N, C-alpha and C. Protein backbone atom coordinates (compact mmCIF):
# COMPACT_ATOMS: atom_id res chain seq x y z
N MET A 1 80.84 84.83 144.97
CA MET A 1 79.67 84.94 145.82
C MET A 1 79.96 85.89 146.97
N LYS A 2 79.03 86.77 147.23
CA LYS A 2 79.11 87.67 148.38
C LYS A 2 77.73 87.74 149.02
N CYS A 3 77.21 86.58 149.37
CA CYS A 3 75.85 86.49 149.92
C CYS A 3 75.66 87.35 151.16
N ALA A 4 76.70 87.53 151.95
CA ALA A 4 76.58 88.33 153.17
C ALA A 4 76.22 89.78 152.86
N LEU A 5 76.57 90.23 151.67
CA LEU A 5 76.29 91.62 151.30
C LEU A 5 74.97 91.76 150.52
N CYS A 6 74.32 90.65 150.21
CA CYS A 6 73.06 90.67 149.47
C CYS A 6 71.93 91.13 150.38
N VAL A 7 71.13 92.07 149.91
CA VAL A 7 70.04 92.63 150.71
C VAL A 7 68.77 91.79 150.59
N ASN A 8 68.46 91.31 149.41
CA ASN A 8 67.16 90.70 149.15
C ASN A 8 67.06 89.21 149.51
N LYS A 9 68.13 88.48 149.43
CA LYS A 9 68.13 87.03 149.68
C LYS A 9 67.00 86.35 148.93
N LYS A 10 66.91 86.61 147.63
CA LYS A 10 65.84 86.05 146.81
C LYS A 10 65.94 84.53 146.70
N CYS A 11 67.08 83.97 147.00
CA CYS A 11 67.22 82.51 147.02
C CYS A 11 66.32 81.92 148.10
N TYR A 12 66.17 82.67 149.18
CA TYR A 12 65.38 82.19 150.32
C TYR A 12 63.88 82.37 150.10
N ASN A 13 63.50 83.54 149.62
CA ASN A 13 62.06 83.81 149.58
C ASN A 13 61.44 83.86 148.18
N GLU A 14 62.25 83.68 147.13
CA GLU A 14 61.69 83.71 145.77
C GLU A 14 62.20 82.57 144.89
N GLY A 15 63.09 81.75 145.42
CA GLY A 15 63.61 80.63 144.65
C GLY A 15 64.64 80.99 143.60
N LYS A 16 65.21 82.18 143.69
CA LYS A 16 66.22 82.60 142.71
C LYS A 16 67.50 81.79 142.89
N VAL A 17 68.10 81.34 141.80
CA VAL A 17 69.34 80.58 141.82
C VAL A 17 70.46 81.49 141.33
N CYS A 18 71.44 81.76 142.19
CA CYS A 18 72.55 82.67 141.86
C CYS A 18 73.86 81.92 141.65
N THR A 19 73.84 80.62 141.69
CA THR A 19 75.07 79.85 141.61
C THR A 19 74.87 78.63 140.73
N ASP A 20 75.95 78.06 140.28
CA ASP A 20 75.85 76.86 139.44
C ASP A 20 76.15 75.58 140.22
N THR A 21 76.17 75.66 141.55
CA THR A 21 76.50 74.48 142.36
C THR A 21 75.27 73.70 142.83
N LYS A 22 74.08 74.18 142.49
CA LYS A 22 72.85 73.53 142.97
C LYS A 22 72.83 72.04 142.62
N ASP A 23 73.03 71.70 141.37
CA ASP A 23 72.96 70.30 140.95
C ASP A 23 74.07 69.47 141.59
N ALA A 24 75.26 70.03 141.68
CA ALA A 24 76.37 69.31 142.30
C ALA A 24 76.07 69.04 143.77
N ALA A 25 75.49 70.02 144.45
CA ALA A 25 75.14 69.84 145.87
C ALA A 25 74.05 68.80 146.01
N LEU A 26 73.00 68.92 145.19
CA LEU A 26 71.90 67.95 145.27
C LEU A 26 72.41 66.52 145.10
N GLY A 27 73.37 66.33 144.23
CA GLY A 27 73.93 65.01 144.00
C GLY A 27 74.66 64.44 145.21
N GLN A 28 75.08 65.30 146.12
CA GLN A 28 75.80 64.87 147.32
C GLN A 28 74.86 64.43 148.46
N TYR A 29 73.61 64.85 148.40
CA TYR A 29 72.66 64.51 149.48
C TYR A 29 72.12 63.10 149.28
N GLN A 30 72.94 62.14 149.67
CA GLN A 30 72.60 60.72 149.59
C GLN A 30 72.90 60.09 150.94
N GLY A 31 72.19 59.03 151.27
CA GLY A 31 72.48 58.26 152.48
C GLY A 31 72.44 59.10 153.75
N GLU A 32 73.53 59.01 154.53
CA GLU A 32 73.58 59.71 155.82
C GLU A 32 73.58 61.23 155.65
N LYS A 33 74.15 61.73 154.54
CA LYS A 33 74.13 63.18 154.30
C LYS A 33 72.70 63.67 154.07
N LYS A 34 71.91 62.90 153.35
CA LYS A 34 70.51 63.25 153.13
C LYS A 34 69.75 63.20 154.45
N GLN A 35 70.00 62.16 155.23
CA GLN A 35 69.35 62.03 156.53
C GLN A 35 69.70 63.22 157.42
N ALA A 36 70.98 63.61 157.46
CA ALA A 36 71.42 64.74 158.27
C ALA A 36 70.72 66.03 157.84
N LEU A 37 70.62 66.23 156.53
CA LEU A 37 69.95 67.42 156.00
C LEU A 37 68.48 67.44 156.40
N CYS A 38 67.82 66.32 156.23
CA CYS A 38 66.38 66.26 156.53
C CYS A 38 66.10 66.40 158.02
N VAL A 39 66.90 65.74 158.85
CA VAL A 39 66.73 65.85 160.30
C VAL A 39 66.92 67.31 160.73
N SER A 40 67.98 67.95 160.24
CA SER A 40 68.26 69.34 160.60
C SER A 40 67.13 70.26 160.17
N SER A 41 66.64 70.08 158.95
CA SER A 41 65.58 70.93 158.42
C SER A 41 64.28 70.72 159.19
N ARG A 42 64.01 69.47 159.55
CA ARG A 42 62.80 69.17 160.34
C ARG A 42 62.89 69.81 161.73
N LEU A 43 64.06 69.71 162.37
CA LEU A 43 64.24 70.32 163.69
C LEU A 43 64.04 71.83 163.63
N GLU A 44 64.58 72.45 162.60
CA GLU A 44 64.42 73.90 162.44
C GLU A 44 62.94 74.26 162.32
N ALA A 45 62.22 73.55 161.47
CA ALA A 45 60.82 73.87 161.21
C ALA A 45 59.94 73.61 162.43
N LEU A 46 60.17 72.52 163.14
CA LEU A 46 59.29 72.14 164.25
C LEU A 46 59.64 72.82 165.57
N HIS A 47 60.89 73.23 165.73
CA HIS A 47 61.33 73.75 167.03
C HIS A 47 61.99 75.13 166.93
N TYR A 48 61.65 75.88 165.91
CA TYR A 48 62.26 77.18 165.67
C TYR A 48 62.11 78.09 166.89
N MET A 49 63.23 78.53 167.44
CA MET A 49 63.29 79.44 168.60
C MET A 49 62.67 78.83 169.86
N LYS A 50 62.67 77.50 169.95
CA LYS A 50 62.10 76.83 171.12
C LYS A 50 63.13 76.01 171.89
N LEU A 51 64.24 75.68 171.26
CA LEU A 51 65.22 74.81 171.88
C LEU A 51 66.57 75.50 172.02
N THR A 52 67.27 75.16 173.08
CA THR A 52 68.66 75.60 173.23
C THR A 52 69.53 74.78 172.28
N ARG A 53 70.75 75.21 172.10
CA ARG A 53 71.69 74.47 171.24
C ARG A 53 71.88 73.05 171.78
N ILE A 54 71.99 72.89 173.08
CA ILE A 54 72.16 71.56 173.67
C ILE A 54 70.95 70.69 173.35
N GLU A 55 69.75 71.23 173.50
CA GLU A 55 68.54 70.46 173.20
C GLU A 55 68.48 70.09 171.72
N GLU A 56 68.88 71.01 170.86
CA GLU A 56 68.90 70.72 169.42
C GLU A 56 69.85 69.57 169.11
N VAL A 57 71.04 69.61 169.69
CA VAL A 57 72.02 68.56 169.44
C VAL A 57 71.50 67.21 169.93
N ILE A 58 70.88 67.18 171.11
CA ILE A 58 70.32 65.94 171.63
C ILE A 58 69.26 65.39 170.68
N ARG A 59 68.34 66.23 170.25
CA ARG A 59 67.28 65.76 169.33
C ARG A 59 67.88 65.31 168.00
N TYR A 60 68.84 66.08 167.50
CA TYR A 60 69.50 65.71 166.25
C TYR A 60 70.13 64.32 166.39
N ALA A 61 70.90 64.12 167.46
CA ALA A 61 71.60 62.85 167.66
C ALA A 61 70.61 61.69 167.81
N LEU A 62 69.51 61.92 168.50
CA LEU A 62 68.50 60.87 168.64
C LEU A 62 67.88 60.52 167.30
N GLU A 63 67.54 61.54 166.52
CA GLU A 63 66.92 61.29 165.21
C GLU A 63 67.90 60.68 164.22
N MET A 64 69.18 60.92 164.40
CA MET A 64 70.20 60.30 163.55
C MET A 64 70.55 58.89 164.04
N ASN A 65 69.93 58.47 165.14
CA ASN A 65 70.18 57.15 165.73
C ASN A 65 71.62 56.98 166.20
N TYR A 66 72.21 58.07 166.69
CA TYR A 66 73.56 58.00 167.25
C TYR A 66 73.47 57.43 168.66
N ASN A 67 74.45 56.64 169.01
CA ASN A 67 74.49 56.04 170.35
C ASN A 67 75.61 56.60 171.22
N LYS A 68 76.72 56.99 170.58
CA LYS A 68 77.90 57.40 171.35
C LYS A 68 78.32 58.81 170.96
N ILE A 69 78.38 59.68 171.94
CA ILE A 69 78.74 61.09 171.75
C ILE A 69 80.13 61.31 172.32
N GLY A 70 80.95 62.02 171.56
CA GLY A 70 82.28 62.40 172.02
C GLY A 70 82.32 63.88 172.34
N ILE A 71 83.06 64.22 173.38
CA ILE A 71 83.23 65.63 173.76
C ILE A 71 84.72 65.94 173.76
N ALA A 72 85.13 66.86 172.89
CA ALA A 72 86.51 67.35 172.86
C ALA A 72 86.48 68.73 173.49
N PHE A 73 87.11 68.88 174.65
CA PHE A 73 86.98 70.14 175.38
C PHE A 73 88.31 70.74 175.80
N CYS A 74 88.27 72.05 176.00
CA CYS A 74 89.39 72.80 176.54
C CYS A 74 89.39 72.64 178.05
N THR A 75 90.58 72.47 178.64
CA THR A 75 90.63 72.32 180.10
C THR A 75 90.09 73.56 180.81
N GLY A 76 90.15 74.71 180.13
CA GLY A 76 89.59 75.93 180.71
C GLY A 76 88.08 75.89 180.83
N LEU A 77 87.45 74.93 180.16
CA LEU A 77 86.00 74.75 180.26
C LEU A 77 85.68 73.38 180.85
N SER A 78 86.49 72.94 181.81
CA SER A 78 86.29 71.63 182.45
C SER A 78 84.95 71.55 183.16
N LYS A 79 84.56 72.61 183.84
CA LYS A 79 83.28 72.62 184.56
C LYS A 79 82.13 72.45 183.57
N GLU A 80 82.19 73.22 182.47
CA GLU A 80 81.14 73.14 181.46
C GLU A 80 81.11 71.75 180.82
N ALA A 81 82.29 71.20 180.54
CA ALA A 81 82.37 69.87 179.93
C ALA A 81 81.77 68.80 180.83
N LYS A 82 82.01 68.92 182.14
CA LYS A 82 81.45 67.96 183.09
C LYS A 82 79.92 68.01 183.08
N ILE A 83 79.37 69.21 183.05
CA ILE A 83 77.90 69.36 183.01
C ILE A 83 77.36 68.79 181.71
N ILE A 84 78.00 69.13 180.59
CA ILE A 84 77.57 68.63 179.28
C ILE A 84 77.64 67.11 179.24
N HIS A 85 78.74 66.55 179.76
CA HIS A 85 78.90 65.10 179.82
C HIS A 85 77.71 64.48 180.56
N LYS A 86 77.38 65.03 181.72
CA LYS A 86 76.29 64.48 182.53
C LYS A 86 74.93 64.61 181.84
N ILE A 87 74.73 65.72 181.13
CA ILE A 87 73.47 65.91 180.39
C ILE A 87 73.34 64.86 179.30
N PHE A 88 74.39 64.67 178.52
CA PHE A 88 74.33 63.75 177.38
C PHE A 88 74.31 62.28 177.81
N GLU A 89 74.93 61.96 178.96
CA GLU A 89 74.96 60.56 179.35
C GLU A 89 73.60 60.05 179.83
N LYS A 90 72.63 60.93 179.96
CA LYS A 90 71.26 60.50 180.28
C LYS A 90 70.62 59.79 179.10
N LYS A 91 71.10 60.07 177.88
CA LYS A 91 70.51 59.46 176.68
C LYS A 91 71.51 58.72 175.80
N PHE A 92 72.82 58.94 176.03
CA PHE A 92 73.84 58.38 175.16
C PHE A 92 75.00 57.84 175.99
N GLU A 93 75.81 56.99 175.35
CA GLU A 93 77.10 56.67 175.90
C GLU A 93 77.99 57.85 175.56
N VAL A 94 78.83 58.30 176.48
CA VAL A 94 79.63 59.51 176.26
C VAL A 94 81.11 59.22 176.52
N ALA A 95 81.94 59.73 175.62
CA ALA A 95 83.39 59.72 175.81
C ALA A 95 83.85 61.18 175.76
N SER A 96 84.73 61.56 176.67
CA SER A 96 85.22 62.94 176.66
C SER A 96 86.74 62.94 176.79
N VAL A 97 87.36 63.94 176.14
CA VAL A 97 88.82 64.02 176.18
C VAL A 97 89.22 65.50 176.21
N CYS A 98 90.11 65.82 177.15
CA CYS A 98 90.54 67.22 177.31
C CYS A 98 91.66 67.54 176.33
N CYS A 99 91.88 68.83 176.14
CA CYS A 99 92.85 69.30 175.15
C CYS A 99 94.29 68.97 175.51
N LYS A 100 94.58 68.75 176.77
CA LYS A 100 95.96 68.49 177.20
C LYS A 100 96.29 67.01 177.23
N ASN A 101 95.43 66.16 176.66
CA ASN A 101 95.68 64.72 176.63
C ASN A 101 97.04 64.43 176.01
N GLY A 102 97.70 63.44 176.55
CA GLY A 102 99.04 63.09 176.05
C GLY A 102 100.15 63.86 176.74
N SER A 103 99.82 64.98 177.36
CA SER A 103 100.78 65.79 178.11
C SER A 103 102.07 66.03 177.33
N ILE A 104 101.92 66.56 176.11
CA ILE A 104 103.08 66.87 175.26
C ILE A 104 103.63 68.23 175.67
N SER A 105 104.86 68.28 176.05
CA SER A 105 105.48 69.50 176.56
C SER A 105 105.59 70.58 175.48
N LYS A 106 105.30 71.81 175.87
CA LYS A 106 105.50 72.95 174.97
C LYS A 106 106.97 73.09 174.61
N ASP A 107 107.86 72.63 175.49
CA ASP A 107 109.29 72.70 175.23
C ASP A 107 109.68 71.92 173.97
N LEU A 108 108.95 70.86 173.68
CA LEU A 108 109.24 70.05 172.50
C LEU A 108 109.16 70.86 171.21
N PHE A 109 108.26 71.85 171.18
CA PHE A 109 108.08 72.69 170.00
C PHE A 109 108.62 74.11 170.21
N GLN A 110 109.33 74.33 171.31
CA GLN A 110 109.84 75.65 171.67
C GLN A 110 108.73 76.70 171.65
N LEU A 111 107.60 76.37 172.23
CA LEU A 111 106.45 77.28 172.26
C LEU A 111 106.44 78.13 173.51
N PRO A 112 105.94 79.36 173.42
CA PRO A 112 105.84 80.19 174.62
C PRO A 112 104.84 79.59 175.60
N LYS A 113 105.05 79.90 176.87
CA LYS A 113 104.17 79.38 177.91
C LYS A 113 103.32 80.50 178.48
N VAL A 114 102.18 80.13 179.03
CA VAL A 114 101.33 81.10 179.71
C VAL A 114 102.10 81.67 180.90
N LYS A 115 102.79 80.80 181.64
CA LYS A 115 103.64 81.21 182.77
C LYS A 115 105.00 80.55 182.59
N GLU A 116 106.00 81.35 182.23
CA GLU A 116 107.35 80.83 182.01
C GLU A 116 107.90 80.21 183.30
N GLY A 117 108.79 79.26 183.12
CA GLY A 117 109.46 78.65 184.26
C GLY A 117 108.73 77.43 184.82
N ARG A 118 107.66 77.01 184.20
CA ARG A 118 106.96 75.82 184.67
C ARG A 118 106.72 74.88 183.48
N GLU A 119 106.44 73.66 183.80
CA GLU A 119 106.11 72.69 182.75
C GLU A 119 104.68 72.97 182.28
N GLU A 120 104.49 73.06 180.96
CA GLU A 120 103.16 73.23 180.39
C GLU A 120 103.01 72.31 179.20
N ALA A 121 101.84 71.70 179.11
CA ALA A 121 101.54 70.83 177.97
C ALA A 121 100.85 71.65 176.88
N ILE A 122 101.10 71.28 175.63
CA ILE A 122 100.40 71.90 174.50
C ILE A 122 98.99 71.32 174.43
N CYS A 123 98.13 72.01 173.73
CA CYS A 123 96.84 71.42 173.38
C CYS A 123 97.13 70.38 172.30
N ASN A 124 96.38 69.31 172.31
CA ASN A 124 96.64 68.19 171.42
C ASN A 124 95.34 67.79 170.71
N PRO A 125 94.85 68.64 169.79
CA PRO A 125 93.57 68.35 169.14
C PRO A 125 93.59 67.10 168.26
N ILE A 126 94.72 66.78 167.66
CA ILE A 126 94.79 65.54 166.88
C ILE A 126 94.68 64.35 167.82
N GLY A 127 95.32 64.45 168.98
CA GLY A 127 95.19 63.40 169.99
C GLY A 127 93.76 63.25 170.47
N GLN A 128 93.05 64.39 170.62
CA GLN A 128 91.64 64.32 171.01
C GLN A 128 90.84 63.55 169.96
N ALA A 129 91.08 63.87 168.70
CA ALA A 129 90.36 63.18 167.62
C ALA A 129 90.71 61.69 167.61
N LEU A 130 91.99 61.37 167.77
CA LEU A 130 92.39 59.97 167.77
C LEU A 130 91.73 59.19 168.91
N GLU A 131 91.64 59.81 170.09
CA GLU A 131 90.99 59.15 171.23
C GLU A 131 89.50 58.91 170.95
N LEU A 132 88.82 59.91 170.39
CA LEU A 132 87.39 59.74 170.11
C LEU A 132 87.17 58.81 168.92
N ASN A 133 88.11 58.79 167.97
CA ASN A 133 88.03 57.82 166.88
C ASN A 133 88.15 56.40 167.45
N ARG A 134 89.08 56.24 168.38
CA ARG A 134 89.29 54.93 169.02
C ARG A 134 88.03 54.51 169.79
N ALA A 135 87.34 55.48 170.37
CA ALA A 135 86.11 55.20 171.12
C ALA A 135 84.93 54.92 170.19
N LYS A 136 85.12 55.14 168.90
CA LYS A 136 84.09 54.92 167.88
C LYS A 136 82.82 55.73 168.16
N THR A 137 83.03 57.02 168.39
CA THR A 137 81.89 57.92 168.62
C THR A 137 81.11 58.12 167.32
N ASP A 138 79.83 58.41 167.47
CA ASP A 138 78.97 58.68 166.31
C ASP A 138 78.90 60.16 165.98
N LEU A 139 79.08 60.99 166.99
CA LEU A 139 79.03 62.45 166.84
C LEU A 139 79.97 63.05 167.87
N ASN A 140 80.77 64.04 167.46
CA ASN A 140 81.69 64.70 168.38
C ASN A 140 81.29 66.16 168.57
N LEU A 141 81.40 66.61 169.81
CA LEU A 141 81.07 67.98 170.19
C LEU A 141 82.34 68.72 170.56
N ILE A 142 82.51 69.91 170.01
CA ILE A 142 83.61 70.77 170.41
C ILE A 142 83.12 71.68 171.52
N VAL A 143 83.86 71.70 172.62
CA VAL A 143 83.53 72.56 173.76
C VAL A 143 84.75 73.43 174.04
N GLY A 144 84.79 74.60 173.40
CA GLY A 144 85.78 75.62 173.70
C GLY A 144 87.19 75.37 173.21
N LEU A 145 87.38 74.60 172.15
CA LEU A 145 88.74 74.44 171.64
C LEU A 145 89.24 75.75 171.04
N CYS A 146 90.53 75.98 171.13
CA CYS A 146 91.14 77.19 170.59
C CYS A 146 90.96 77.27 169.07
N VAL A 147 91.01 78.49 168.54
CA VAL A 147 91.02 78.67 167.10
C VAL A 147 92.24 77.94 166.54
N GLY A 148 92.05 77.19 165.52
CA GLY A 148 93.12 76.38 164.94
C GLY A 148 93.09 74.97 165.48
N HIS A 149 93.00 74.84 166.79
CA HIS A 149 92.88 73.51 167.38
C HIS A 149 91.54 72.89 166.99
N ASP A 150 90.49 73.71 166.94
CA ASP A 150 89.18 73.20 166.50
C ASP A 150 89.25 72.72 165.05
N ILE A 151 90.02 73.41 164.24
CA ILE A 151 90.17 73.02 162.84
C ILE A 151 90.90 71.68 162.74
N LEU A 152 92.00 71.55 163.46
CA LEU A 152 92.75 70.29 163.44
C LEU A 152 91.90 69.13 163.97
N PHE A 153 91.16 69.39 165.03
CA PHE A 153 90.29 68.33 165.57
C PHE A 153 89.28 67.89 164.52
N THR A 154 88.62 68.84 163.89
CA THR A 154 87.60 68.53 162.89
C THR A 154 88.20 67.76 161.71
N GLN A 155 89.40 68.17 161.27
CA GLN A 155 90.05 67.48 160.15
C GLN A 155 90.37 66.02 160.46
N HIS A 156 90.63 65.71 161.72
CA HIS A 156 91.07 64.37 162.09
C HIS A 156 89.98 63.50 162.72
N SER A 157 88.82 64.06 162.96
CA SER A 157 87.71 63.30 163.53
C SER A 157 87.05 62.45 162.45
N VAL A 158 86.86 61.19 162.74
CA VAL A 158 86.13 60.31 161.82
C VAL A 158 84.64 60.62 161.89
N ALA A 159 84.13 60.82 163.10
CA ALA A 159 82.71 61.13 163.29
C ALA A 159 82.44 62.58 162.90
N PRO A 160 81.20 62.88 162.50
CA PRO A 160 80.86 64.28 162.24
C PRO A 160 81.04 65.11 163.51
N VAL A 161 81.28 66.41 163.32
CA VAL A 161 81.59 67.31 164.43
C VAL A 161 80.65 68.51 164.40
N THR A 162 80.19 68.92 165.59
CA THR A 162 79.48 70.19 165.72
C THR A 162 80.07 70.92 166.92
N THR A 163 79.96 72.23 166.89
CA THR A 163 80.50 73.04 167.97
C THR A 163 79.39 73.40 168.94
N LEU A 164 79.61 73.09 170.20
CA LEU A 164 78.63 73.42 171.23
C LEU A 164 78.98 74.74 171.90
N ILE A 165 80.27 74.94 172.17
CA ILE A 165 80.73 76.19 172.77
C ILE A 165 81.97 76.66 172.00
N VAL A 166 81.94 77.92 171.56
CA VAL A 166 83.10 78.53 170.92
C VAL A 166 83.83 79.35 171.98
N LYS A 167 85.14 79.13 172.08
CA LYS A 167 85.91 79.85 173.09
C LYS A 167 86.05 81.32 172.71
N ASP A 168 85.70 82.19 173.63
CA ASP A 168 85.94 83.63 173.52
C ASP A 168 86.03 84.14 174.95
N ARG A 169 87.24 84.13 175.48
CA ARG A 169 87.43 84.50 176.89
C ARG A 169 87.03 85.94 177.17
N VAL A 170 87.17 86.81 176.18
CA VAL A 170 86.84 88.23 176.38
C VAL A 170 85.34 88.44 176.48
N LEU A 171 84.56 87.70 175.69
CA LEU A 171 83.11 87.92 175.63
C LEU A 171 82.32 86.75 176.22
N ALA A 172 82.84 86.12 177.26
CA ALA A 172 82.15 85.04 177.97
C ALA A 172 81.68 83.94 177.01
N HIS A 173 82.56 83.57 176.10
CA HIS A 173 82.31 82.51 175.12
C HIS A 173 81.11 82.80 174.24
N ASN A 174 80.94 84.07 173.92
CA ASN A 174 79.87 84.52 173.03
C ASN A 174 80.48 85.42 171.96
N PRO A 175 81.16 84.83 170.95
CA PRO A 175 81.83 85.65 169.95
C PRO A 175 80.88 86.53 169.16
N ALA A 176 79.61 86.17 169.09
CA ALA A 176 78.64 87.01 168.38
C ALA A 176 78.45 88.35 169.09
N GLY A 177 78.79 88.41 170.37
CA GLY A 177 78.66 89.66 171.12
C GLY A 177 79.42 90.81 170.47
N ALA A 178 80.53 90.50 169.81
CA ALA A 178 81.33 91.55 169.15
C ALA A 178 80.58 92.21 168.01
N ILE A 179 79.73 91.45 167.31
CA ILE A 179 79.00 92.05 166.19
C ILE A 179 77.69 92.70 166.61
N TYR A 180 77.35 92.54 167.89
CA TYR A 180 76.18 93.24 168.43
C TYR A 180 76.60 94.48 169.20
N SER A 181 77.88 94.77 169.21
CA SER A 181 78.42 95.90 169.96
C SER A 181 78.92 96.97 168.99
N ASP A 182 78.33 98.16 169.05
CA ASP A 182 78.80 99.26 168.21
C ASP A 182 80.27 99.57 168.47
N TYR A 183 80.69 99.43 169.72
CA TYR A 183 82.09 99.68 170.06
C TYR A 183 83.01 98.76 169.25
N TYR A 184 82.75 97.46 169.29
CA TYR A 184 83.61 96.52 168.56
C TYR A 184 83.52 96.75 167.06
N ILE A 185 82.32 96.94 166.55
CA ILE A 185 82.16 97.10 165.10
C ILE A 185 82.89 98.34 164.60
N LYS A 186 82.66 99.47 165.26
CA LYS A 186 83.20 100.73 164.77
C LYS A 186 84.62 101.01 165.24
N LYS A 187 84.92 100.74 166.50
CA LYS A 187 86.23 101.10 167.06
C LYS A 187 87.28 100.01 166.88
N LYS A 188 86.93 98.77 167.17
CA LYS A 188 87.90 97.69 167.09
C LYS A 188 88.09 97.18 165.65
N PHE A 189 86.96 97.01 164.93
CA PHE A 189 87.02 96.44 163.59
C PHE A 189 87.00 97.49 162.49
N ASN A 190 86.69 98.74 162.87
CA ASN A 190 86.64 99.86 161.92
C ASN A 190 85.75 99.54 160.70
N VAL A 191 84.54 99.07 160.98
CA VAL A 191 83.59 98.71 159.94
C VAL A 191 82.40 99.65 160.00
N ASP A 192 82.00 100.15 158.86
CA ASP A 192 80.82 101.01 158.76
C ASP A 192 79.64 100.12 158.38
N ILE A 193 78.69 99.94 159.29
CA ILE A 193 77.55 99.06 159.00
C ILE A 193 76.36 99.80 158.39
N ASP A 194 76.51 101.08 158.20
CA ASP A 194 75.40 101.87 157.66
C ASP A 194 75.38 101.92 156.14
N ASP A 195 76.36 101.29 155.48
CA ASP A 195 76.35 101.34 154.01
C ASP A 195 75.57 100.22 153.39
């Protein structure tokens, strides 16, 4: 499959089936998975281009009947996490855990430090997941976890996970900015988009 390179997207507007996974996928949409699919599709149809990501997540969580929201955040986005925590606690019980939880020394893994000569803790995404699992959250939000750490967190979270903020320090946490910039596309990534 190379759907990203397909020009017509006939699956979307003509009902064309290009894969043999349709039946297998349909068989998986049962119970909570079916509910999640229907809630998401309904939100898209009713609120298309009207809601922010935060508003979408709140409506999704309400329609899924979730009561407890978990926030796994990078300490570099502590201010943002505090605001998000306060927004969500208006409608939900909220648990939040920073990436440095457990204060595991980088020295334990002989890892480089941002500033040598001082004590630094590693990010602990598995610990974040364990804390939110212990809190019995219904939905977990990623707020700026590092690449790789977000993967580990998602793998170890019992509750479903969605990303609210993707960390990109260069582009103000807007990684899509790189694909809207001719400079990044042509000079940094050396990609010809005119073909």
